[in-house]
């Protein structure tokens, strides 16, 4: 029984520590704005569960996850997670100014 508690605790640590490290690095990374082009976009559709109030009834719905790959002027590429509502405006081949901090996407303004 104690080994199960230890296993649950270890699992929690294995999930929490890498997330905390990434969060810390992103917060201390410089905020950069660079010229970039969208070279790829992909969307994963999964399922999500929502609980409704005190009744606790659950309903399932689609969960969209969007990733956009940008290529900088020097040829390097970075892929960022975007909220689903931002993904629709991202078209392959669009050039603009990408703003990010570490691995955290902050914005993209197309050049017209």
PDB file of N, CA and C in Angstrom:
ATOM      1  N   UNK A   1       0.826  -1.200   0.000  1.00  0.00           N
ATOM      2  CA  UNK A   1       0.000   0.000   0.000  1.00  0.00           C
ATOM      3  C   UNK A   1       0.868   1.261   0.000  1.00  0.00           C
ATOM      4  N   UNK A   2       1.935   1.258   0.777  1.00  0.00           N
ATOM      5  CA  UNK A   2       2.793   2.442   0.823  1.00  0.00           C
ATOM      6  C   UNK A   2       3.516   2.646  -0.511  1.00  0.00           C
ATOM      7  N   UNK A   3       3.819   1.542  -1.212  1.00  0.00           N
ATOM      8  CA  UNK A   3       4.483   1.682  -2.505  1.00  0.00           C
ATOM      9  C   UNK A   3       3.568   2.351  -3.519  1.00  0.00           C
ATOM     10  N   UNK A   4       2.249   2.148  -3.386  1.00  0.00           N
ATOM     11  CA  UNK A   4       1.306   2.819  -4.288  1.00  0.00           C
ATOM     12  C   UNK A   4       1.286   4.325  -4.051  1.00  0.00           C
ATOM     13  N   UNK A   5       1.317   4.718  -2.791  1.00  0.00           N
ATOM     14  CA  UNK A   5       1.367   6.150  -2.468  1.00  0.00           C
ATOM     15  C   UNK A   5       2.653   6.759  -2.997  1.00  0.00           C
ATOM     16  N   UNK A   6       3.755   6.028  -2.848  1.00  0.00           N
ATOM     17  CA  UNK A   6       5.037   6.517  -3.352  1.00  0.00           C
ATOM     18  C   UNK A   6       5.012   6.642  -4.874  1.00  0.00           C
ATOM     19  N   UNK A   7       4.385   5.695  -5.534  1.00  0.00           N
ATOM     20  CA  UNK A   7       4.280   5.725  -6.987  1.00  0.00           C
ATOM     21  C   UNK A   7       3.451   6.920  -7.453  1.00  0.00           C
ATOM     22  N   UNK A   8       2.350   7.189  -6.778  1.00  0.00           N
ATOM     23  CA  UNK A   8       1.510   8.339  -7.120  1.00  0.00           C
ATOM     24  C   UNK A   8       2.282   9.634  -6.897  1.00  0.00           C
ATOM     25  N   UNK A   9       2.997   9.727  -5.790  1.00  0.00           N
ATOM     26  CA  UNK A   9       3.789  10.917  -5.488  1.00  0.00           C
ATOM     27  C   UNK A   9       4.883  11.105  -6.536  1.00  0.00           C
ATOM     28  N   UNK A  10       5.573  10.041  -6.881  1.00  0.00           N
ATOM     29  CA  UNK A  10       6.632  10.113  -7.884  1.00  0.00           C
ATOM     30  C   UNK A  10       6.071  10.527  -9.242  1.00  0.00           C
ATOM     31  N   UNK A  11       4.910  10.014  -9.615  1.00  0.00           N
ATOM     32  CA  UNK A  11       4.275  10.393 -10.874  1.00  0.00           C
ATOM     33  C   UNK A  11       3.959  11.878 -10.898  1.00  0.00           C
ATOM     34  N   UNK A  12       3.453  12.391  -9.789  1.00  0.00           N
ATOM     35  CA  UNK A  12       3.145  13.818  -9.694  1.00  0.00           C
ATOM     36  C   UNK A  12       4.390  14.668  -9.840  1.00  0.00           C
ATOM     37  N   UNK A  13       5.471  14.246  -9.208  1.00  0.00           N
ATOM     38  CA  UNK A  13       6.733  14.974  -9.299  1.00  0.00           C
ATOM     39  C   UNK A  13       7.252  14.953 -10.734  1.00  0.00           C
ATOM     40  N   UNK A  14       7.155  13.801 -11.394  1.00  0.00           N
ATOM     41  CA  UNK A  14       7.645  13.674 -12.778  1.00  0.00           C
ATOM     42  C   UNK A  14       6.867  14.558 -13.740  1.00  0.00           C
ATOM     43  N   UNK A  15       5.634  14.870 -13.436  1.00  0.00           N
ATOM     44  CA  UNK A  15       4.828  15.752 -14.281  1.00  0.00           C
ATOM     45  C   UNK A  15       5.067  17.211 -13.900  1.00  0.00           C
ATOM     46  N   UNK A  16       5.104  17.510 -12.627  1.00  0.00           N
ATOM     47  CA  UNK A  16       5.190  18.884 -12.151  1.00  0.00           C
ATOM     48  C   UNK A  16       6.561  19.516 -12.383  1.00  0.00           C
ATOM     49  N   UNK A  17       7.627  18.807 -12.082  1.00  0.00           N
ATOM     50  CA  UNK A  17       8.974  19.399 -12.132  1.00  0.00           C
ATOM     51  C   UNK A  17       9.339  19.889 -13.532  1.00  0.00           C
ATOM     52  N   UNK A  18       9.197  19.088 -14.602  1.00  0.00           N
ATOM     53  CA  UNK A  18       9.538  19.620 -15.928  1.00  0.00           C
ATOM     54  C   UNK A  18       8.692  20.834 -16.329  1.00  0.00           C
ATOM     55  N   UNK A  19       7.418  20.824 -15.962  1.00  0.00           N
ATOM     56  CA  UNK A  19       6.553  21.975 -16.265  1.00  0.00           C
ATOM     57  C   UNK A  19       7.019  23.215 -15.522  1.00  0.00           C
ATOM     58  N   UNK A  20       7.388  23.057 -14.275  1.00  0.00           N
ATOM     59  CA  UNK A  20       7.863  24.190 -13.476  1.00  0.00           C
ATOM     60  C   UNK A  20       9.180  24.733 -14.024  1.00  0.00           C
ATOM     61  N   UNK A  21      10.057  23.847 -14.466  1.00  0.00           N
ATOM     62  CA  UNK A  21      11.335  24.284 -15.036  1.00  0.00           C
ATOM     63  C   UNK A  21      11.101  25.065 -16.329  1.00  0.00           C
ATOM     64  N   UNK A  22      10.244  24.555 -17.216  1.00  0.00           N
ATOM     65  CA  UNK A  22       9.938  25.255 -18.474  1.00  0.00           C
ATOM     66  C   UNK A  22       9.303  26.612 -18.194  1.00  0.00           C
ATOM     67  N   UNK A  23       8.389  26.672 -17.235  1.00  0.00           N
ATOM     68  CA  UNK A  23       7.731  27.934 -16.877  1.00  0.00           C
ATOM     69  C   UNK A  23       8.770  28.948 -16.395  1.00  0.00           C
ATOM     70  N   UNK A  24       9.693  28.498 -15.531  1.00  0.00           N
ATOM     71  CA  UNK A  24      10.736  29.377 -14.992  1.00  0.00           C
ATOM     72  C   UNK A  24      11.646  29.892 -16.113  1.00  0.00           C
ATOM     73  N   UNK A  25      12.073  28.987 -17.008  1.00  0.00           N
ATOM     74  CA  UNK A  25      12.951  29.400 -18.110  1.00  0.00           C
ATOM     75  C   UNK A  25      12.249  30.404 -19.021  1.00  0.00           C
ATOM     76  N   UNK A  26      10.984  30.159 -19.347  1.00  0.00           N
ATOM     77  CA  UNK A  26      10.240  31.082 -20.204  1.00  0.00           C
ATOM     78  C   UNK A  26      10.109  32.451 -19.565  1.00  0.00           C
ATOM     79  N   UNK A  27       9.851  32.490 -18.268  1.00  0.00           N
ATOM     80  CA  UNK A  27       9.692  33.768 -17.575  1.00  0.00           C
ATOM     81  C   UNK A  27      10.989  34.565 -17.522  1.00  0.00           C
ATOM     82  N   UNK A  28      12.132  33.890 -17.580  1.00  0.00           N
ATOM     83  CA  UNK A  28      13.417  34.579 -17.504  1.00  0.00           C
ATOM     84  C   UNK A  28      14.081  34.751 -18.871  1.00  0.00           C
ATOM     85  N   UNK A  29      13.468  34.240 -19.915  1.00  0.00           N
ATOM     86  CA  UNK A  29      14.002  34.408 -21.272  1.00  0.00           C
ATOM     87  C   UNK A  29      13.668  35.807 -21.775  1.00  0.00           C
ATOM     88  N   UNK A  30      14.502  36.340 -22.668  1.00  0.00           N
ATOM     89  CA  UNK A  30      14.187  37.659 -23.229  1.00  0.00           C
ATOM     90  C   UNK A  30      12.983  37.584 -24.161  1.00  0.00           C
ATOM     91  N   UNK A  31      12.254  38.674 -24.209  1.00  0.00           N
ATOM     92  CA  UNK A  31      11.124  38.789 -25.147  1.00  0.00           C
ATOM     93  C   UNK A  31      11.713  39.197 -26.498  1.00  0.00           C
ATOM     94  N   UNK A  32      11.498  38.374 -27.526  1.00  0.00           N
ATOM     95  CA  UNK A  32      12.087  38.628 -28.838  1.00  0.00           C
ATOM     96  C   UNK A  32      11.006  38.842 -29.889  1.00  0.00           C
ATOM     97  N   UNK A  33      11.273  39.748 -30.815  1.00  0.00           N
ATOM     98  CA  UNK A  33      10.421  39.956 -31.980  1.00  0.00           C
ATOM     99  C   UNK A  33      11.304  39.829 -33.203  1.00  0.00           C
ATOM    100  N   UNK A  34      10.949  38.903 -34.102  1.00  0.00           N
ATOM    101  CA  UNK A  34      11.756  38.625 -35.282  1.00  0.00           C
ATOM    102  C   UNK A  34      10.867  38.527 -36.516  1.00  0.00           C
ATOM    103  N   UNK A  35      11.484  38.745 -37.690  1.00  0.00           N
ATOM    104  CA  UNK A  35      10.784  38.525 -38.954  1.00  0.00           C
ATOM    105  C   UNK A  35      10.709  37.017 -39.175  1.00  0.00           C
ATOM    106  N   UNK A  36       9.520  36.512 -39.539  1.00  0.00           N
ATOM    107  CA  UNK A  36       9.349  35.072 -39.717  1.00  0.00           C
ATOM    108  C   UNK A  36       8.253  34.794 -40.735  1.00  0.00           C
ATOM    109  N   UNK A  37       8.246  33.559 -41.215  1.00  0.00           N
ATOM    110  CA  UNK A  37       7.229  33.102 -42.156  1.00  0.00           C
ATOM    111  C   UNK A  37       6.598  31.828 -41.606  1.00  0.00           C
ATOM    112  N   UNK A  38       5.290  31.707 -41.760  1.00  0.00           N
ATOM    113  CA  UNK A  38       4.597  30.485 -41.346  1.00  0.00           C
ATOM    114  C   UNK A  38       4.877  29.426 -42.402  1.00  0.00           C
ATOM    115  N   UNK A  39       5.495  28.314 -41.983  1.00  0.00           N
ATOM    116  CA  UNK A  39       5.836  27.260 -42.939  1.00  0.00           C
ATOM    117  C   UNK A  39       4.995  26.007 -42.742  1.00  0.00           C
ATOM    118  N   UNK A  40       4.314  25.886 -41.610  1.00  0.00           N
ATOM    119  CA  UNK A  40       3.449  24.721 -41.384  1.00  0.00           C
ATOM    120  C   UNK A  40       2.447  25.035 -40.283  1.00  0.00           C
ATOM    121  N   UNK A  41       1.320  24.336 -40.368  1.00  0.00           N
ATOM    122  CA  UNK A  41       0.280  24.461 -39.340  1.00  0.00           C
ATOM    123  C   UNK A  41      -0.399  23.109 -39.222  1.00  0.00           C
ATOM    124  N   UNK A  42      -0.585  22.663 -38.005  1.00  0.00           N
ATOM    125  CA  UNK A  42      -1.288  21.392 -37.804  1.00  0.00           C
ATOM    126  C   UNK A  42      -2.243  21.520 -36.635  1.00  0.00           C
ATOM    127  N   UNK A  43      -3.319  20.780 -36.714  1.00  0.00           N
ATOM    128  CA  UNK A  43      -4.340  20.799 -35.675  1.00  0.00           C
ATOM    129  C   UNK A  43      -4.623  19.373 -35.252  1.00  0.00           C
ATOM    130  N   UNK A  44      -4.611  19.139 -33.961  1.00  0.00           N
ATOM    131  CA  UNK A  44      -4.998  17.845 -33.401  1.00  0.00           C
ATOM    132  C   UNK A  44      -6.357  18.024 -32.754  1.00  0.00           C
ATOM    133  N   UNK A  45      -7.241  17.083 -33.002  1.00  0.00           N
ATOM    134  CA  UNK A  45      -8.559  17.123 -32.388  1.00  0.00           C
ATOM    135  C   UNK A  45      -8.659  15.959 -31.428  1.00  0.00           C
ATOM    136  N   UNK A  46      -8.962  16.263 -30.188  1.00  0.00           N
ATOM    137  CA  UNK A  46      -9.125  15.242 -29.162  1.00  0.00           C
ATOM    138  C   UNK A  46     -10.462  15.424 -28.478  1.00  0.00           C
ATOM    139  N   UNK A  47     -10.557  14.939 -27.268  1.00  0.00           N
ATOM    140  CA  UNK A  47     -11.795  15.074 -26.495  1.00  0.00           C
ATOM    141  C   UNK A  47     -11.483  15.742 -25.172  1.00  0.00           C
ATOM    142  N   UNK A  48     -12.448  16.490 -24.697  1.00  0.00           N
ATOM    143  CA  UNK A  48     -12.322  17.121 -23.399  1.00  0.00           C
ATOM    144  C   UNK A  48     -13.578  16.838 -22.586  1.00  0.00           C
ATOM    145  N   UNK A  49     -13.443  16.899 -21.287  1.00  0.00           N
ATOM    146  CA  UNK A  49     -14.572  16.656 -20.391  1.00  0.00           C
ATOM    147  C   UNK A  49     -14.851  17.938 -19.619  1.00  0.00           C
ATOM    148  N   UNK A  50     -16.111  18.332 -19.573  1.00  0.00           N
ATOM    149  CA  UNK A  50     -16.537  19.497 -18.796  1.00  0.00           C
ATOM    150  C   UNK A  50     -17.527  19.032 -17.736  1.00  0.00           C
ATOM    151  N   UNK A  51     -17.340  19.506 -16.505  1.00  0.00           N
ATOM    152  CA  UNK A  51     -18.290  19.203 -15.437  1.00  0.00           C
ATOM    153  C   UNK A  51     -19.233  20.380 -15.277  1.00  0.00           C
ATOM    154  N   UNK A  52     -20.520  20.097 -15.185  1.00  0.00           N
ATOM    155  CA  UNK A  52     -21.534  21.146 -15.068  1.00  0.00           C
ATOM    156  C   UNK A  52     -21.932  21.354 -13.620  1.00  0.00           C
ATOM    157  N   UNK A  53     -21.434  22.420 -13.049  1.00  0.00           N
ATOM    158  CA  UNK A  53     -21.858  22.872 -11.731  1.00  0.00           C
ATOM    159  C   UNK A  53     -21.908  21.819 -10.644  1.00  0.00           C
ATOM    160  N   UNK A  54     -22.757  22.060  -9.642  1.00  0.00           N
ATOM    161  CA  UNK A  54     -22.815  21.180  -8.479  1.00  0.00           C
ATOM    162  C   UNK A  54     -23.396  19.800  -8.789  1.00  0.00           C
ATOM    163  N   UNK A  55     -24.117  19.677  -9.901  1.00  0.00           N
ATOM    164  CA  UNK A  55     -24.682  18.368 -10.232  1.00  0.00           C
ATOM    165  C   UNK A  55     -23.579  17.383 -10.604  1.00  0.00           C
ATOM    166  N   UNK A  56     -22.445  17.914 -11.074  1.00  0.00           N
ATOM    167  CA  UNK A  56     -21.322  17.064 -11.427  1.00  0.00           C
ATOM    168  C   UNK A  56     -21.509  16.275 -12.706  1.00  0.00           C
ATOM    169  N   UNK A  57     -22.565  16.580 -13.462  1.00  0.00           N
ATOM    170  CA  UNK A  57     -22.776  15.872 -14.725  1.00  0.00           C
ATOM    171  C   UNK A  57     -21.677  16.264 -15.705  1.00  0.00           C
ATOM    172  N   UNK A  58     -21.154  15.287 -16.380  1.00  0.00           N
ATOM    173  CA  UNK A  58     -20.071  15.526 -17.332  1.00  0.00           C
ATOM    174  C   UNK A  58     -20.609  15.462 -18.750  1.00  0.00           C
ATOM    175  N   UNK A  59     -20.065  16.310 -19.607  1.00  0.00           N
ATOM    176  CA  UNK A  59     -20.338  16.170 -21.032  1.00  0.00           C
ATOM    177  C   UNK A  59     -19.009  16.252 -21.770  1.00  0.00           C
ATOM    178  N   UNK A  60     -18.955  15.557 -22.878  1.00  0.00           N
ATOM    179  CA  UNK A  60     -17.735  15.472 -23.648  1.00  0.00           C
ATOM    180  C   UNK A  60     -17.848  16.350 -24.882  1.00  0.00           C
ATOM    181  N   UNK A  61     -16.724  16.917 -25.275  1.00  0.00           N
ATOM    182  CA  UNK A  61     -16.723  17.745 -26.465  1.00  0.00           C
ATOM    183  C   UNK A  61     -15.367  17.695 -27.133  1.00  0.00           C
ATOM    184  N   UNK A  62     -15.276  18.284 -28.327  1.00  0.00           N
ATOM    185  CA  UNK A  62     -13.995  18.274 -29.029  1.00  0.00           C
ATOM    186  C   UNK A  62     -13.020  19.264 -28.405  1.00  0.00           C
ATOM    187  N   UNK A  63     -11.758  18.925 -28.433  1.00  0.00           N
ATOM    188  CA  UNK A  63     -10.704  19.818 -27.964  1.00  0.00           C
ATOM    189  C   UNK A  63      -9.707  19.973 -29.105  1.00  0.00           C
ATOM    190  N   UNK A  64      -9.583  21.185 -29.631  1.00  0.00           N
ATOM    191  CA  UNK A  64      -8.642  21.437 -30.718  1.00  0.00           C
ATOM    192  C   UNK A  64      -7.340  21.971 -30.160  1.00  0.00           C
ATOM    193  N   UNK A  65      -6.254  21.393 -30.616  1.00  0.00           N
ATOM    194  CA  UNK A  65      -4.924  21.861 -30.274  1.00  0.00           C
ATOM    195  C   UNK A  65      -4.247  22.258 -31.572  1.00  0.00           C
ATOM    196  N   UNK A  66      -3.705  23.456 -31.627  1.00  0.00           N
ATOM    197  CA  UNK A  66      -3.121  23.973 -32.852  1.00  0.00           C
ATOM    198  C   UNK A  66      -1.633  24.264 -32.646  1.00  0.00           C
ATOM    199  N   UNK A  67      -0.829  23.848 -33.604  1.00  0.00           N
ATOM    200  CA  UNK A  67       0.611  24.109 -33.588  1.00  0.00           C
ATOM    201  C   UNK A  67       0.987  24.801 -34.890  1.00  0.00           C
ATOM    202  N   UNK A  68       1.802  25.856 -34.796  1.00  0.00           N
ATOM    203  CA  UNK A  68       2.242  26.589 -35.981  1.00  0.00           C
ATOM    204  C   UNK A  68       3.766  26.627 -35.976  1.00  0.00           C
ATOM    205  N   UNK A  69       4.366  26.320 -37.133  1.00  0.00           N
ATOM    206  CA  UNK A  69       5.821  26.354 -37.271  1.00  0.00           C
ATOM    207  C   UNK A  69       6.208  27.610 -38.035  1.00  0.00           C
ATOM    208  N   UNK A  70       7.121  28.372 -37.451  1.00  0.00           N
ATOM    209  CA  UNK A  70       7.631  29.605 -38.057  1.00  0.00           C
ATOM    210  C   UNK A  70       9.084  29.387 -38.469  1.00  0.00           C
ATOM    211  N   UNK A  71       9.450  29.964 -39.609  1.00  0.00           N
ATOM    212  CA  UNK A  71      10.849  29.938 -40.034  1.00  0.00           C
ATOM    213  C   UNK A  71      11.382  31.358 -39.978  1.00  0.00           C
ATOM    214  N   UNK A  72      12.480  31.522 -39.240  1.00  0.00           N
ATOM    215  CA  UNK A  72      13.090  32.834 -39.095  1.00  0.00           C
ATOM    216  C   UNK A  72      13.982  33.133 -40.305  1.00  0.00           C
ATOM    217  N   UNK A  73      14.432  34.372 -40.405  1.00  0.00           N
ATOM    218  CA  UNK A  73      15.268  34.797 -41.533  1.00  0.00           C
ATOM    219  C   UNK A  73      16.560  34.001 -41.627  1.00  0.00           C
ATOM    220  N   UNK A  74      17.086  33.522 -40.496  1.00  0.00           N
ATOM    221  CA  UNK A  74      18.347  32.762 -40.512  1.00  0.00           C
ATOM    222  C   UNK A  74      18.134  31.290 -40.882  1.00  0.00           C
ATOM    223  N   UNK A  75      16.881  30.891 -41.142  1.00  0.00           N
ATOM    224  CA  UNK A  75      16.581  29.521 -41.539  1.00  0.00           C
ATOM    225  C   UNK A  75      16.164  28.609 -40.400  1.00  0.00           C
ATOM    226  N   UNK A  76      16.324  29.062 -39.162  1.00  0.00           N
ATOM    227  CA  UNK A  76      15.910  28.236 -38.020  1.00  0.00           C
ATOM    228  C   UNK A  76      14.390  28.210 -37.923  1.00  0.00           C
ATOM    229  N   UNK A  77      13.881  27.132 -37.340  1.00  0.00           N
ATOM    230  CA  UNK A  77      12.426  26.968 -37.203  1.00  0.00           C
ATOM    231  C   UNK A  77      12.049  26.761 -35.754  1.00  0.00           C
ATOM    232  N   UNK A  78      10.856  27.261 -35.417  1.00  0.00           N
ATOM    233  CA  UNK A  78      10.304  27.056 -34.074  1.00  0.00           C
ATOM    234  C   UNK A  78       8.825  26.738 -34.218  1.00  0.00           C
ATOM    235  N   UNK A  79       8.366  25.775 -33.425  1.00  0.00           N
ATOM    236  CA  UNK A  79       6.953  25.416 -33.425  1.00  0.00           C
ATOM    237  C   UNK A  79       6.352  25.862 -32.101  1.00  0.00           C
ATOM    238  N   UNK A  80       5.181  26.492 -32.176  1.00  0.00           N
ATOM    239  CA  UNK A  80       4.504  26.992 -30.988  1.00  0.00           C
ATOM    240  C   UNK A  80       3.089  26.439 -30.907  1.00  0.00           C
ATOM    241  N   UNK A  81       2.641  26.227 -29.689  1.00  0.00           N
ATOM    242  CA  UNK A  81       1.240  25.876 -29.417  1.00  0.00           C
ATOM    243  C   UNK A  81       0.450  27.174 -29.429  1.00  0.00           C
ATOM    244  N   UNK A  82      -0.688  27.174 -30.090  1.00  0.00           N
ATOM    245  CA  UNK A  82      -1.569  28.340 -30.115  1.00  0.00           C
ATOM    246  C   UNK A  82      -2.955  27.947 -29.662  1.00  0.00           C
ATOM    247  N   UNK A  83      -3.655  28.874 -29.059  1.00  0.00           N
ATOM    248  CA  UNK A  83      -5.054  28.648 -28.718  1.00  0.00           C
ATOM    249  C   UNK A  83      -5.830  28.471 -30.020  1.00  0.00           C
ATOM    250  N   UNK A  84      -6.850  27.630 -29.983  1.00  0.00           N
ATOM    251  CA  UNK A  84      -7.607  27.288 -31.191  1.00  0.00           C
ATOM    252  C   UNK A  84      -8.182  28.518 -31.885  1.00  0.00           C
ATOM    253  N   UNK A  85      -8.573  29.547 -31.140  1.00  0.00           N
ATOM    254  CA  UNK A  85      -9.168  30.730 -31.766  1.00  0.00           C
ATOM    255  C   UNK A  85      -8.134  31.547 -32.552  1.00  0.00           C
ATOM    256  N   UNK A  86      -6.840  31.405 -32.260  1.00  0.00           N
ATOM    257  CA  UNK A  86      -5.798  32.105 -33.017  1.00  0.00           C
ATOM    258  C   UNK A  86      -5.374  31.341 -34.262  1.00  0.00           C
ATOM    259  N   UNK A  87      -5.638  30.068 -34.297  1.00  0.00           N
ATOM    260  CA  UNK A  87      -5.126  29.202 -35.360  1.00  0.00           C
ATOM    261  C   UNK A  87      -5.751  29.508 -36.714  1.00  0.00           C
ATOM    262  N   UNK A  88      -7.005  29.902 -36.752  1.00  0.00           N
ATOM    263  CA  UNK A  88      -7.696  30.143 -38.007  1.00  0.00           C
ATOM    264  C   UNK A  88      -7.084  31.252 -38.838  1.00  0.00           C
ATOM    265  N   UNK A  89      -6.410  32.178 -38.216  1.00  0.00           N
ATOM    266  CA  UNK A  89      -5.817  33.310 -38.935  1.00  0.00           C
ATOM    267  C   UNK A  89      -4.414  33.022 -39.446  1.00  0.00           C
ATOM    268  N   UNK A  90      -3.902  31.828 -39.178  1.00  0.00           N
ATOM    269  CA  UNK A  90      -2.531  31.488 -39.537  1.00  0.00           C
ATOM    270  C   UNK A  90      -2.504  30.697 -40.843  1.00  0.00           C
ATOM    271  N   UNK A  91      -2.080  31.335 -41.915  1.00  0.00           N
ATOM    272  CA  UNK A  91      -2.022  30.672 -43.221  1.00  0.00           C
ATOM    273  C   UNK A  91      -0.565  30.446 -43.617  1.00  0.00           C
ATOM    274  N   UNK A  92      -0.297  29.271 -44.137  1.00  0.00           N
ATOM    275  CA  UNK A  92       1.044  28.928 -44.596  1.00  0.00           C
ATOM    276  C   UNK A  92       1.501  29.946 -45.637  1.00  0.00           C
ATOM    277  N   UNK A  93       2.760  30.379 -45.506  1.00  0.00           N
ATOM    278  CA  UNK A  93       3.320  31.356 -46.440  1.00  0.00           C
ATOM    279  C   UNK A  93       3.206  32.791 -45.980  1.00  0.00           C
ATOM    280  N   UNK A  94       2.470  33.053 -44.904  1.00  0.00           N
ATOM    281  CA  UNK A  94       2.310  34.422 -44.396  1.00  0.00           C
ATOM    282  C   UNK A  94       3.595  34.869 -43.715  1.00  0.00           C
ATOM    283  N   UNK A  95       4.062  36.059 -44.076  1.00  0.00           N
ATOM    284  CA  UNK A  95       5.255  36.634 -43.452  1.00  0.00           C
ATOM    285  C   UNK A  95       4.818  37.706 -42.470  1.00  0.00           C
ATOM    286  N   UNK A  96       5.604  37.868 -41.392  1.00  0.00           N
ATOM    287  CA  UNK A  96       5.264  38.883 -40.408  1.00  0.00           C
ATOM    288  C   UNK A  96       6.273  38.944 -39.288  1.00  0.00           C
ATOM    289  N   UNK A  97       5.843  39.568 -38.211  1.00  0.00           N
ATOM    290  CA  UNK A  97       6.706  39.749 -37.039  1.00  0.00           C
ATOM    291  C   UNK A  97       6.199  38.835 -35.919  1.00  0.00           C
ATOM    292  N   UNK A  98       7.048  37.882 -35.556  1.00  0.00           N
ATOM    293  CA  UNK A  98       6.751  36.909 -34.513  1.00  0.00           C
ATOM    294  C   UNK A  98       7.332  37.399 -33.199  1.00  0.00           C
ATOM    295  N   UNK A  99       6.522  37.383 -32.145  1.00  0.00           N
ATOM    296  CA  UNK A  99       6.995  37.745 -30.814  1.00  0.00           C
ATOM    297  C   UNK A  99       6.855  36.523 -29.925  1.00  0.00           C
ATOM    298  N   UNK A 100       7.944  36.192 -29.214  1.00  0.00           N
ATOM    299  CA  UNK A 100       7.934  35.027 -28.331  1.00  0.00           C
ATOM    300  C   UNK A 100       8.896  35.227 -27.175  1.00  0.00           C
ATOM    301  N   UNK A 101       8.720  34.408 -26.163  1.00  0.00           N
ATOM    302  CA  UNK A 101       9.615  34.416 -24.998  1.00  0.00           C
ATOM    303  C   UNK A 101       9.908  32.964 -24.660  1.00  0.00           C
ATOM    304  N   UNK A 102      11.139  32.526 -24.894  1.00  0.00           N
ATOM    305  CA  UNK A 102      11.492  31.128 -24.663  1.00  0.00           C
ATOM    306  C   UNK A 102      10.722  30.240 -25.620  1.00  0.00           C
ATOM    307  N   UNK A 103       9.889  29.367 -25.076  1.00  0.00           N
ATOM    308  CA  UNK A 103       9.047  28.508 -25.916  1.00  0.00           C
ATOM    309  C   UNK A 103       7.597  28.969 -25.903  1.00  0.00           C
ATOM    310  N   UNK A 104       7.348  30.165 -25.396  1.00  0.00           N
ATOM    311  CA  UNK A 104       5.988  30.699 -25.261  1.00  0.00           C
ATOM    312  C   UNK A 104       5.683  31.691 -26.375  1.00  0.00           C
ATOM    313  N   UNK A 105       4.664  31.379 -27.176  1.00  0.00           N
ATOM    314  CA  UNK A 105       4.192  32.248 -28.255  1.00  0.00           C
ATOM    315  C   UNK A 105       3.495  33.456 -27.640  1.00  0.00           C
ATOM    316  N   UNK A 106       3.834  34.658 -28.127  1.00  0.00           N
ATOM    317  CA  UNK A 106       3.192  35.875 -27.626  1.00  0.00           C
ATOM    318  C   UNK A 106       2.371  36.593 -28.689  1.00  0.00           C
ATOM    319  N   UNK A 107       2.722  36.418 -29.967  1.00  0.00           N
ATOM    320  CA  UNK A 107       1.933  37.072 -30.999  1.00  0.00           C
ATOM    321  C   UNK A 107       2.594  37.016 -32.361  1.00  0.00           C
ATOM    322  N   UNK A 108       1.794  37.297 -33.395  1.00  0.00           N
ATOM    323  CA  UNK A 108       2.290  37.351 -34.770  1.00  0.00           C
ATOM    324  C   UNK A 108       1.498  38.403 -35.511  1.00  0.00           C
ATOM    325  N   UNK A 109       2.206  39.366 -36.104  1.00  0.00           N
ATOM    326  CA  UNK A 109       1.554  40.415 -36.888  1.00  0.00           C
ATOM    327  C   UNK A 109       1.987  40.284 -38.335  1.00  0.00           C
ATOM    328  N   UNK A 110       1.055  39.924 -39.209  1.00  0.00           N
ATOM    329  CA  UNK A 110       1.412  39.789 -40.635  1.00  0.00           C
ATOM    330  C   UNK A 110       1.870  41.115 -41.224  1.00  0.00           C
ATOM    331  N   UNK A 111       2.789  41.018 -42.156  1.00  0.00           N
ATOM    332  CA  UNK A 111       3.256  42.208 -42.901  1.00  0.00           C
ATOM    333  C   UNK A 111       2.407  42.275 -44.164  1.00  0.00           C
ATOM    334  N   UNK A 112       1.798  43.391 -44.377  1.00  0.00           N
ATOM    335  CA  UNK A 112       0.912  43.543 -45.544  1.00  0.00           C
ATOM    336  C   UNK A 112       1.643  44.151 -46.708  1.00  0.00           C
TER     337      UNK A 112
END
